[in-house]
């Protein structure tokens, strides 16, 4: 992210210390969750590796501060609760990050299919991921599959297994 994209709190040392006052901590966690989502959206990243994030996203070298493990756990728990993250592994060291919830992504993809005349047709996941100028362009394939499964549950699409790639049929 560019310097102007970081919130003011990122240069404020107490932002990197879990606040003891519950109200202040709630505001802090909210600011951190917004930052995590904005960071992933700007960088078009769908996976957060906690160990990697400790040395990048959760660390500000200019003020020599790192959010402690307890703080990272609070932030990730809040993201999971809001359905903006989902653990990939049982140890909760890697997460899928959704700046839109899966339901919101499903609505975006479903609208795109309807608006572009793809209803009743099949698209490969590769085609969808590489569709230019769409918010879902570059989406991680595992996340796209989860989005399609949301559409399946609503009877708006069907995930199709092809020989060399997966696809989706929109209804």
N, C-alpha and C. Protein backbone atom coordinates (compact mmCIF):
# COMPACT_ATOMS: atom_id res chain seq x y z
N UNK A 1 0.85 -1.18 0.00
CA UNK A 1 0.00 0.00 0.00
C UNK A 1 0.88 1.23 0.00
N UNK A 2 0.36 2.29 -0.56
CA UNK A 2 1.06 3.57 -0.55
C UNK A 2 0.92 4.21 0.83
N UNK A 3 1.82 5.12 1.13
CA UNK A 3 1.81 5.76 2.45
C UNK A 3 0.46 6.40 2.76
N UNK A 4 -0.17 7.00 1.76
CA UNK A 4 -1.45 7.68 2.01
C UNK A 4 -2.61 6.70 2.23
N UNK A 5 -2.40 5.43 1.90
CA UNK A 5 -3.45 4.43 2.09
C UNK A 5 -3.51 3.90 3.53
N UNK A 6 -2.45 4.09 4.29
CA UNK A 6 -2.43 3.61 5.67
C UNK A 6 -3.23 4.57 6.55
N UNK A 7 -4.03 4.05 7.48
CA UNK A 7 -4.78 4.95 8.37
C UNK A 7 -3.82 5.64 9.34
N UNK A 8 -4.27 6.74 9.91
CA UNK A 8 -3.42 7.50 10.82
C UNK A 8 -2.97 6.64 12.01
N UNK A 9 -3.83 5.70 12.43
CA UNK A 9 -3.49 4.87 13.59
C UNK A 9 -2.24 4.04 13.37
N UNK A 10 -1.94 3.74 12.11
CA UNK A 10 -0.80 2.87 11.80
C UNK A 10 0.53 3.50 12.25
N UNK A 11 0.54 4.81 12.40
CA UNK A 11 1.75 5.51 12.88
C UNK A 11 1.63 5.88 14.36
N UNK A 12 0.61 5.41 15.02
CA UNK A 12 0.34 5.72 16.42
C UNK A 12 0.72 4.50 17.26
N UNK A 13 1.83 4.56 18.02
CA UNK A 13 2.32 3.38 18.74
C UNK A 13 1.29 2.60 19.55
N UNK A 14 0.36 3.25 20.27
CA UNK A 14 -0.62 2.46 21.04
C UNK A 14 -1.52 1.56 20.17
N UNK A 15 -1.61 1.85 18.87
CA UNK A 15 -2.40 1.02 17.97
C UNK A 15 -1.85 -0.41 17.95
N UNK A 16 -0.57 -0.56 18.25
CA UNK A 16 0.09 -1.86 18.21
C UNK A 16 0.16 -2.52 19.59
N UNK A 17 -0.58 -1.98 20.55
CA UNK A 17 -0.65 -2.55 21.89
C UNK A 17 -2.12 -2.85 22.19
N UNK A 18 -2.43 -4.06 22.59
CA UNK A 18 -3.82 -4.40 22.90
C UNK A 18 -4.27 -3.52 24.06
N UNK A 19 -5.33 -2.78 23.82
CA UNK A 19 -5.79 -1.81 24.80
C UNK A 19 -6.59 -2.49 25.91
N UNK A 20 -6.32 -2.11 27.18
CA UNK A 20 -7.01 -2.75 28.31
C UNK A 20 -8.46 -2.32 28.45
N UNK A 21 -8.80 -1.08 28.07
CA UNK A 21 -10.17 -0.59 28.15
C UNK A 21 -10.99 -1.26 27.05
N UNK A 22 -12.08 -1.91 27.42
CA UNK A 22 -12.85 -2.70 26.46
C UNK A 22 -13.41 -1.86 25.31
N UNK A 23 -13.87 -0.66 25.61
CA UNK A 23 -14.40 0.20 24.55
C UNK A 23 -13.28 0.60 23.58
N UNK A 24 -12.15 1.00 24.13
CA UNK A 24 -11.00 1.38 23.29
C UNK A 24 -10.51 0.18 22.49
N UNK A 25 -10.47 -1.00 23.11
CA UNK A 25 -10.05 -2.21 22.42
C UNK A 25 -11.00 -2.52 21.26
N UNK A 26 -12.29 -2.34 21.48
CA UNK A 26 -13.27 -2.59 20.42
C UNK A 26 -13.02 -1.67 19.23
N UNK A 27 -12.75 -0.40 19.49
CA UNK A 27 -12.43 0.55 18.42
C UNK A 27 -11.13 0.16 17.72
N UNK A 28 -10.16 -0.27 18.50
CA UNK A 28 -8.87 -0.69 17.95
C UNK A 28 -9.05 -1.90 17.03
N UNK A 29 -9.77 -2.90 17.48
CA UNK A 29 -9.98 -4.10 16.66
C UNK A 29 -10.75 -3.74 15.40
N UNK A 30 -11.73 -2.87 15.51
CA UNK A 30 -12.48 -2.42 14.34
C UNK A 30 -11.56 -1.72 13.33
N UNK A 31 -10.67 -0.88 13.82
CA UNK A 31 -9.72 -0.20 12.93
C UNK A 31 -8.78 -1.21 12.27
N UNK A 32 -8.33 -2.20 13.04
CA UNK A 32 -7.46 -3.23 12.48
C UNK A 32 -8.18 -4.07 11.42
N UNK A 33 -9.44 -4.44 11.69
CA UNK A 33 -10.16 -5.25 10.70
C UNK A 33 -10.36 -4.46 9.41
N UNK A 34 -10.68 -3.18 9.54
CA UNK A 34 -10.81 -2.34 8.34
C UNK A 34 -9.50 -2.27 7.57
N UNK A 35 -8.40 -2.15 8.30
CA UNK A 35 -7.09 -2.09 7.66
C UNK A 35 -6.77 -3.40 6.94
N UNK A 36 -7.02 -4.53 7.57
CA UNK A 36 -6.74 -5.83 6.95
C UNK A 36 -7.54 -5.97 5.66
N UNK A 37 -8.82 -5.63 5.70
CA UNK A 37 -9.67 -5.75 4.51
C UNK A 37 -9.21 -4.79 3.40
N UNK A 38 -8.90 -3.56 3.77
CA UNK A 38 -8.43 -2.58 2.78
C UNK A 38 -7.11 -3.03 2.16
N UNK A 39 -6.20 -3.51 2.99
CA UNK A 39 -4.90 -3.97 2.52
C UNK A 39 -5.06 -5.10 1.50
N UNK A 40 -5.90 -6.07 1.82
CA UNK A 40 -6.10 -7.20 0.91
C UNK A 40 -6.84 -6.79 -0.36
N UNK A 41 -7.77 -5.87 -0.23
CA UNK A 41 -8.50 -5.39 -1.41
C UNK A 41 -7.56 -4.64 -2.35
N UNK A 42 -6.79 -3.70 -1.81
CA UNK A 42 -5.87 -2.92 -2.64
C UNK A 42 -4.85 -3.80 -3.32
N UNK A 43 -4.36 -4.82 -2.61
CA UNK A 43 -3.34 -5.72 -3.15
C UNK A 43 -3.93 -6.94 -3.86
N UNK A 44 -5.27 -7.01 -3.93
CA UNK A 44 -5.96 -8.13 -4.56
C UNK A 44 -5.45 -9.47 -4.03
N UNK A 45 -5.35 -9.56 -2.71
CA UNK A 45 -4.89 -10.77 -2.04
C UNK A 45 -6.04 -11.40 -1.28
N UNK A 46 -6.13 -12.72 -1.36
CA UNK A 46 -7.24 -13.44 -0.73
C UNK A 46 -6.77 -14.35 0.39
N UNK A 47 -5.48 -14.43 0.63
CA UNK A 47 -4.95 -15.29 1.68
C UNK A 47 -4.07 -14.47 2.61
N UNK A 48 -4.30 -14.65 3.91
CA UNK A 48 -3.46 -14.02 4.91
C UNK A 48 -2.75 -15.14 5.66
N UNK A 49 -1.43 -15.14 5.59
CA UNK A 49 -0.60 -16.05 6.37
C UNK A 49 -0.15 -15.26 7.59
N UNK A 50 -0.54 -15.71 8.77
CA UNK A 50 -0.27 -14.95 10.00
C UNK A 50 1.22 -14.70 10.17
N UNK A 51 2.06 -15.69 9.90
CA UNK A 51 3.51 -15.50 10.08
C UNK A 51 4.05 -14.43 9.13
N UNK A 52 3.61 -14.45 7.88
CA UNK A 52 4.05 -13.43 6.92
C UNK A 52 3.51 -12.06 7.31
N UNK A 53 2.25 -12.02 7.76
CA UNK A 53 1.63 -10.75 8.12
C UNK A 53 2.28 -10.12 9.34
N UNK A 54 2.84 -10.96 10.23
CA UNK A 54 3.54 -10.42 11.40
C UNK A 54 4.71 -9.53 10.98
N UNK A 55 5.35 -9.88 9.87
CA UNK A 55 6.50 -9.10 9.44
C UNK A 55 6.15 -8.03 8.41
N UNK A 56 4.88 -7.95 8.03
CA UNK A 56 4.50 -6.93 7.06
C UNK A 56 3.31 -6.12 7.57
N UNK A 57 2.13 -6.62 7.39
CA UNK A 57 0.91 -5.91 7.73
C UNK A 57 0.83 -5.53 9.21
N UNK A 58 1.19 -6.44 10.09
CA UNK A 58 1.06 -6.19 11.53
C UNK A 58 2.31 -5.58 12.15
N UNK A 59 3.22 -5.09 11.32
CA UNK A 59 4.43 -4.44 11.80
C UNK A 59 4.64 -3.12 11.08
N UNK A 60 4.95 -2.09 11.85
CA UNK A 60 5.32 -0.80 11.27
C UNK A 60 6.76 -0.50 11.68
N UNK A 61 7.71 -0.76 10.76
CA UNK A 61 9.12 -0.56 11.10
C UNK A 61 9.48 0.89 11.41
N UNK A 62 8.73 1.84 10.86
CA UNK A 62 9.07 3.25 11.08
C UNK A 62 8.86 3.67 12.54
N UNK A 63 7.99 2.97 13.26
CA UNK A 63 7.81 3.25 14.69
C UNK A 63 8.26 2.07 15.55
N UNK A 64 8.82 1.06 14.87
CA UNK A 64 9.35 -0.12 15.54
C UNK A 64 8.31 -0.79 16.43
N UNK A 65 7.13 -1.03 15.85
CA UNK A 65 6.05 -1.67 16.59
C UNK A 65 5.48 -2.83 15.80
N UNK A 66 5.10 -3.89 16.54
CA UNK A 66 4.44 -5.06 15.97
C UNK A 66 3.24 -5.40 16.86
N UNK A 67 2.11 -5.68 16.24
CA UNK A 67 0.95 -6.10 17.00
C UNK A 67 1.25 -7.47 17.61
N UNK A 68 1.05 -7.63 18.92
CA UNK A 68 1.36 -8.93 19.56
C UNK A 68 0.38 -10.01 19.11
N UNK A 69 0.74 -11.25 19.37
CA UNK A 69 -0.07 -12.41 19.01
C UNK A 69 -1.50 -12.28 19.50
N UNK A 70 -1.67 -11.80 20.73
CA UNK A 70 -3.01 -11.62 21.29
C UNK A 70 -3.84 -10.66 20.43
N UNK A 71 -3.22 -9.60 19.96
CA UNK A 71 -3.91 -8.63 19.11
C UNK A 71 -4.28 -9.22 17.76
N UNK A 72 -3.35 -9.97 17.18
CA UNK A 72 -3.63 -10.61 15.88
C UNK A 72 -4.79 -11.59 16.03
N UNK A 73 -4.81 -12.34 17.13
CA UNK A 73 -5.90 -13.28 17.37
C UNK A 73 -7.23 -12.55 17.50
N UNK A 74 -7.25 -11.42 18.19
CA UNK A 74 -8.48 -10.63 18.32
C UNK A 74 -8.96 -10.14 16.96
N UNK A 75 -8.04 -9.65 16.15
CA UNK A 75 -8.38 -9.14 14.82
C UNK A 75 -8.93 -10.26 13.95
N UNK A 76 -8.24 -11.39 13.93
CA UNK A 76 -8.68 -12.49 13.07
C UNK A 76 -10.02 -13.05 13.55
N UNK A 77 -10.22 -13.12 14.86
CA UNK A 77 -11.51 -13.59 15.40
C UNK A 77 -12.64 -12.66 14.98
N UNK A 78 -12.38 -11.36 15.02
CA UNK A 78 -13.40 -10.39 14.60
C UNK A 78 -13.71 -10.55 13.11
N UNK A 79 -12.68 -10.77 12.30
CA UNK A 79 -12.90 -10.97 10.86
C UNK A 79 -13.70 -12.25 10.59
N UNK A 80 -13.41 -13.30 11.33
CA UNK A 80 -14.15 -14.55 11.18
C UNK A 80 -15.61 -14.34 11.60
N UNK A 81 -15.82 -13.64 12.71
CA UNK A 81 -17.19 -13.38 13.20
C UNK A 81 -18.02 -12.59 12.21
N UNK A 82 -17.38 -11.66 11.50
CA UNK A 82 -18.10 -10.83 10.53
C UNK A 82 -18.20 -11.49 9.15
N UNK A 83 -17.68 -12.72 9.06
CA UNK A 83 -17.68 -13.49 7.81
C UNK A 83 -16.79 -12.87 6.73
N UNK A 84 -15.77 -12.11 7.18
CA UNK A 84 -14.80 -11.53 6.26
C UNK A 84 -13.51 -12.32 6.24
N UNK A 85 -13.46 -13.42 6.97
CA UNK A 85 -12.29 -14.31 6.96
C UNK A 85 -12.76 -15.70 7.34
N UNK A 86 -11.95 -16.66 6.90
CA UNK A 86 -12.24 -18.06 7.21
C UNK A 86 -10.90 -18.78 7.31
N UNK A 87 -10.68 -19.53 8.40
CA UNK A 87 -9.41 -20.24 8.50
C UNK A 87 -9.28 -21.30 7.42
N UNK A 88 -8.08 -21.41 6.87
CA UNK A 88 -7.81 -22.41 5.83
C UNK A 88 -7.33 -23.70 6.48
N UNK A 89 -6.61 -23.56 7.59
CA UNK A 89 -6.05 -24.74 8.26
C UNK A 89 -6.56 -24.81 9.70
N UNK A 90 -6.44 -26.00 10.30
CA UNK A 90 -6.97 -26.19 11.65
C UNK A 90 -6.19 -25.43 12.71
N UNK A 91 -4.96 -25.05 12.41
CA UNK A 91 -4.14 -24.32 13.39
C UNK A 91 -4.38 -22.82 13.33
N UNK A 92 -5.20 -22.39 12.37
CA UNK A 92 -5.54 -20.98 12.19
C UNK A 92 -4.30 -20.12 11.97
N UNK A 93 -3.44 -20.60 11.08
CA UNK A 93 -2.25 -19.83 10.71
C UNK A 93 -2.41 -19.19 9.33
N UNK A 94 -3.42 -19.66 8.58
CA UNK A 94 -3.71 -19.10 7.25
C UNK A 94 -5.22 -18.91 7.14
N UNK A 95 -5.59 -17.79 6.52
CA UNK A 95 -7.00 -17.45 6.39
C UNK A 95 -7.31 -16.99 4.97
N UNK A 96 -8.52 -17.31 4.50
CA UNK A 96 -9.03 -16.64 3.32
C UNK A 96 -9.61 -15.32 3.82
N UNK A 97 -9.32 -14.24 3.12
CA UNK A 97 -9.83 -12.92 3.47
C UNK A 97 -10.84 -12.51 2.42
N UNK A 98 -12.00 -12.07 2.89
CA UNK A 98 -13.07 -11.64 1.99
C UNK A 98 -13.42 -10.19 2.31
N UNK A 99 -13.02 -9.26 1.45
CA UNK A 99 -13.43 -7.88 1.70
C UNK A 99 -14.91 -7.70 1.40
N UNK A 100 -15.48 -8.63 0.65
CA UNK A 100 -16.92 -8.81 0.57
C UNK A 100 -17.17 -10.19 1.18
N UNK A 101 -18.27 -10.34 1.90
CA UNK A 101 -18.58 -11.68 2.40
C UNK A 101 -18.85 -12.59 1.21
N UNK A 102 -18.86 -13.89 1.44
CA UNK A 102 -19.13 -14.83 0.35
C UNK A 102 -20.50 -14.56 -0.27
N UNK A 103 -21.48 -14.20 0.55
CA UNK A 103 -22.81 -13.89 0.04
C UNK A 103 -22.76 -12.65 -0.86
N UNK A 104 -22.00 -11.64 -0.45
CA UNK A 104 -21.87 -10.43 -1.28
C UNK A 104 -21.15 -10.74 -2.59
N UNK A 105 -20.09 -11.55 -2.51
CA UNK A 105 -19.39 -11.96 -3.73
C UNK A 105 -20.33 -12.72 -4.66
N UNK A 106 -21.16 -13.59 -4.08
CA UNK A 106 -22.10 -14.36 -4.90
C UNK A 106 -23.07 -13.42 -5.62
N UNK A 107 -23.54 -12.40 -4.93
CA UNK A 107 -24.45 -11.43 -5.56
C UNK A 107 -23.73 -10.69 -6.69
N UNK A 108 -22.48 -10.33 -6.48
CA UNK A 108 -21.70 -9.64 -7.51
C UNK A 108 -21.52 -10.53 -8.74
N UNK A 109 -21.12 -11.78 -8.50
CA UNK A 109 -20.90 -12.71 -9.61
C UNK A 109 -22.21 -13.04 -10.32
N UNK A 110 -23.27 -13.26 -9.55
CA UNK A 110 -24.58 -13.56 -10.14
C UNK A 110 -25.09 -12.40 -10.99
N UNK A 111 -24.91 -11.17 -10.51
CA UNK A 111 -25.32 -9.99 -11.28
C UNK A 111 -24.51 -9.87 -12.56
N UNK A 112 -23.22 -10.13 -12.45
CA UNK A 112 -22.37 -10.08 -13.65
C UNK A 112 -22.87 -11.09 -14.69
N UNK A 113 -23.17 -12.30 -14.25
CA UNK A 113 -23.63 -13.34 -15.18
C UNK A 113 -24.93 -12.92 -15.86
N UNK A 114 -25.84 -12.35 -15.10
CA UNK A 114 -27.11 -11.90 -15.66
C UNK A 114 -26.90 -10.71 -16.60
N UNK A 115 -26.15 -9.73 -16.14
CA UNK A 115 -25.95 -8.50 -16.91
C UNK A 115 -25.18 -8.72 -18.22
N UNK A 116 -24.33 -9.73 -18.24
CA UNK A 116 -23.50 -9.96 -19.44
C UNK A 116 -24.04 -11.09 -20.31
N UNK A 117 -25.23 -11.60 -19.99
CA UNK A 117 -25.84 -12.63 -20.81
C UNK A 117 -25.24 -14.01 -20.65
N UNK A 118 -24.64 -14.28 -19.50
CA UNK A 118 -24.05 -15.59 -19.26
C UNK A 118 -25.02 -16.58 -18.62
N UNK A 119 -26.25 -16.15 -18.38
CA UNK A 119 -27.25 -17.08 -17.84
C UNK A 119 -27.46 -18.20 -18.84
N UNK A 120 -27.44 -19.43 -18.36
CA UNK A 120 -27.61 -20.58 -19.23
C UNK A 120 -26.33 -21.03 -19.91
N UNK A 121 -25.23 -20.36 -19.64
CA UNK A 121 -23.97 -20.75 -20.28
C UNK A 121 -22.97 -21.24 -19.23
N UNK A 122 -21.90 -21.84 -19.75
CA UNK A 122 -20.84 -22.37 -18.88
C UNK A 122 -19.59 -21.52 -19.07
N UNK A 123 -18.95 -21.17 -17.97
CA UNK A 123 -17.66 -20.47 -17.98
C UNK A 123 -16.68 -21.29 -17.16
N UNK A 124 -15.44 -21.32 -17.59
CA UNK A 124 -14.43 -21.97 -16.77
C UNK A 124 -14.05 -21.01 -15.64
N UNK A 125 -13.52 -21.57 -14.57
CA UNK A 125 -13.05 -20.72 -13.48
C UNK A 125 -11.91 -19.82 -13.97
N UNK A 126 -11.08 -20.37 -14.86
CA UNK A 126 -9.99 -19.58 -15.43
C UNK A 126 -10.54 -18.35 -16.15
N UNK A 127 -11.61 -18.53 -16.92
CA UNK A 127 -12.22 -17.39 -17.62
C UNK A 127 -12.71 -16.34 -16.63
N UNK A 128 -13.37 -16.79 -15.58
CA UNK A 128 -13.90 -15.84 -14.60
C UNK A 128 -12.78 -15.08 -13.90
N UNK A 129 -11.77 -15.81 -13.46
CA UNK A 129 -10.66 -15.19 -12.74
C UNK A 129 -9.95 -14.17 -13.62
N UNK A 130 -9.94 -14.41 -14.92
CA UNK A 130 -9.24 -13.53 -15.86
C UNK A 130 -10.16 -12.60 -16.64
N UNK A 131 -11.40 -12.48 -16.21
CA UNK A 131 -12.31 -11.52 -16.83
C UNK A 131 -11.82 -10.12 -16.51
N UNK A 132 -11.54 -9.31 -17.53
CA UNK A 132 -10.97 -7.98 -17.26
C UNK A 132 -11.98 -7.02 -16.63
N UNK A 133 -11.45 -6.14 -15.81
CA UNK A 133 -12.20 -5.00 -15.25
C UNK A 133 -13.41 -5.38 -14.41
N UNK A 134 -13.31 -6.49 -13.71
CA UNK A 134 -14.37 -6.88 -12.79
C UNK A 134 -13.79 -6.96 -11.38
N UNK A 135 -14.62 -6.75 -10.40
CA UNK A 135 -14.12 -6.79 -9.03
C UNK A 135 -13.59 -8.18 -8.67
N UNK A 136 -14.11 -9.22 -9.30
CA UNK A 136 -13.66 -10.58 -9.01
C UNK A 136 -12.46 -11.00 -9.85
N UNK A 137 -11.97 -10.11 -10.72
CA UNK A 137 -10.78 -10.42 -11.52
C UNK A 137 -9.61 -10.74 -10.59
N UNK A 138 -8.95 -11.85 -10.84
CA UNK A 138 -7.80 -12.24 -10.02
C UNK A 138 -8.17 -12.96 -8.74
N UNK A 139 -9.44 -13.28 -8.57
CA UNK A 139 -9.87 -13.95 -7.34
C UNK A 139 -9.17 -15.30 -7.19
N UNK A 140 -8.79 -15.62 -5.98
CA UNK A 140 -8.19 -16.91 -5.66
C UNK A 140 -9.19 -18.01 -6.02
N UNK A 141 -8.75 -19.05 -6.70
CA UNK A 141 -9.67 -20.09 -7.18
C UNK A 141 -10.45 -20.75 -6.06
N UNK A 142 -9.82 -21.00 -4.92
CA UNK A 142 -10.54 -21.62 -3.80
C UNK A 142 -11.68 -20.73 -3.30
N UNK A 143 -11.45 -19.42 -3.31
CA UNK A 143 -12.49 -18.48 -2.89
C UNK A 143 -13.61 -18.47 -3.93
N UNK A 144 -13.24 -18.47 -5.21
CA UNK A 144 -14.25 -18.49 -6.27
C UNK A 144 -15.14 -19.73 -6.16
N UNK A 145 -14.55 -20.85 -5.85
CA UNK A 145 -15.35 -22.08 -5.68
C UNK A 145 -16.34 -21.92 -4.53
N UNK A 146 -15.91 -21.31 -3.43
CA UNK A 146 -16.82 -21.07 -2.31
C UNK A 146 -17.96 -20.13 -2.71
N UNK A 147 -17.64 -19.12 -3.51
CA UNK A 147 -18.66 -18.19 -4.00
C UNK A 147 -19.67 -18.93 -4.87
N UNK A 148 -19.17 -19.78 -5.74
CA UNK A 148 -20.06 -20.55 -6.62
C UNK A 148 -20.94 -21.49 -5.79
N UNK A 149 -20.41 -22.05 -4.73
CA UNK A 149 -21.21 -22.93 -3.87
C UNK A 149 -22.35 -22.15 -3.19
N UNK A 150 -22.11 -20.88 -2.90
CA UNK A 150 -23.20 -20.05 -2.37
C UNK A 150 -24.28 -19.89 -3.43
N UNK A 151 -23.86 -19.65 -4.68
CA UNK A 151 -24.83 -19.54 -5.79
C UNK A 151 -25.54 -20.87 -6.01
N UNK A 152 -24.83 -21.99 -5.85
CA UNK A 152 -25.46 -23.32 -5.97
C UNK A 152 -26.57 -23.49 -4.95
N UNK A 153 -26.30 -23.08 -3.72
CA UNK A 153 -27.28 -23.23 -2.65
C UNK A 153 -28.55 -22.43 -2.95
N UNK A 154 -28.42 -21.39 -3.76
CA UNK A 154 -29.57 -20.56 -4.15
C UNK A 154 -30.15 -20.99 -5.50
N UNK A 155 -29.64 -22.09 -6.04
CA UNK A 155 -30.05 -22.60 -7.36
C UNK A 155 -29.85 -21.56 -8.46
N UNK A 156 -28.75 -20.81 -8.36
CA UNK A 156 -28.43 -19.80 -9.38
C UNK A 156 -27.25 -20.23 -10.25
N UNK A 157 -26.57 -21.30 -9.86
CA UNK A 157 -25.40 -21.77 -10.61
C UNK A 157 -25.10 -23.20 -10.19
N UNK A 158 -24.23 -23.83 -10.98
CA UNK A 158 -23.78 -25.19 -10.67
C UNK A 158 -22.29 -25.29 -10.97
N UNK A 159 -21.54 -25.79 -10.01
CA UNK A 159 -20.11 -26.03 -10.21
C UNK A 159 -19.96 -27.29 -11.04
N UNK A 160 -19.16 -27.22 -12.09
CA UNK A 160 -18.98 -28.34 -13.01
C UNK A 160 -17.52 -28.74 -13.01
N UNK A 161 -17.24 -30.03 -12.89
CA UNK A 161 -15.87 -30.53 -12.98
C UNK A 161 -15.58 -30.89 -14.42
N UNK A 162 -14.60 -30.24 -15.01
CA UNK A 162 -14.16 -30.53 -16.37
C UNK A 162 -12.84 -31.28 -16.30
N UNK A 163 -12.39 -31.83 -17.40
CA UNK A 163 -11.15 -32.62 -17.41
C UNK A 163 -9.95 -31.84 -16.89
N UNK A 164 -9.74 -30.65 -17.42
CA UNK A 164 -8.54 -29.89 -17.08
C UNK A 164 -8.81 -28.64 -16.25
N UNK A 165 -10.07 -28.36 -15.97
CA UNK A 165 -10.42 -27.15 -15.23
C UNK A 165 -11.83 -27.32 -14.70
N UNK A 166 -12.18 -26.56 -13.69
CA UNK A 166 -13.55 -26.53 -13.21
C UNK A 166 -14.28 -25.40 -13.91
N UNK A 167 -15.57 -25.51 -13.93
CA UNK A 167 -16.38 -24.48 -14.55
C UNK A 167 -17.63 -24.25 -13.75
N UNK A 168 -18.43 -23.32 -14.23
CA UNK A 168 -19.69 -23.02 -13.59
C UNK A 168 -20.74 -22.78 -14.66
N UNK A 169 -21.92 -23.33 -14.42
CA UNK A 169 -23.05 -23.06 -15.30
C UNK A 169 -23.97 -22.14 -14.52
N UNK A 170 -24.26 -20.99 -15.12
CA UNK A 170 -25.16 -20.03 -14.49
C UNK A 170 -26.58 -20.30 -14.96
N UNK A 171 -27.55 -20.19 -14.05
CA UNK A 171 -28.96 -20.41 -14.40
C UNK A 171 -29.66 -19.09 -14.60
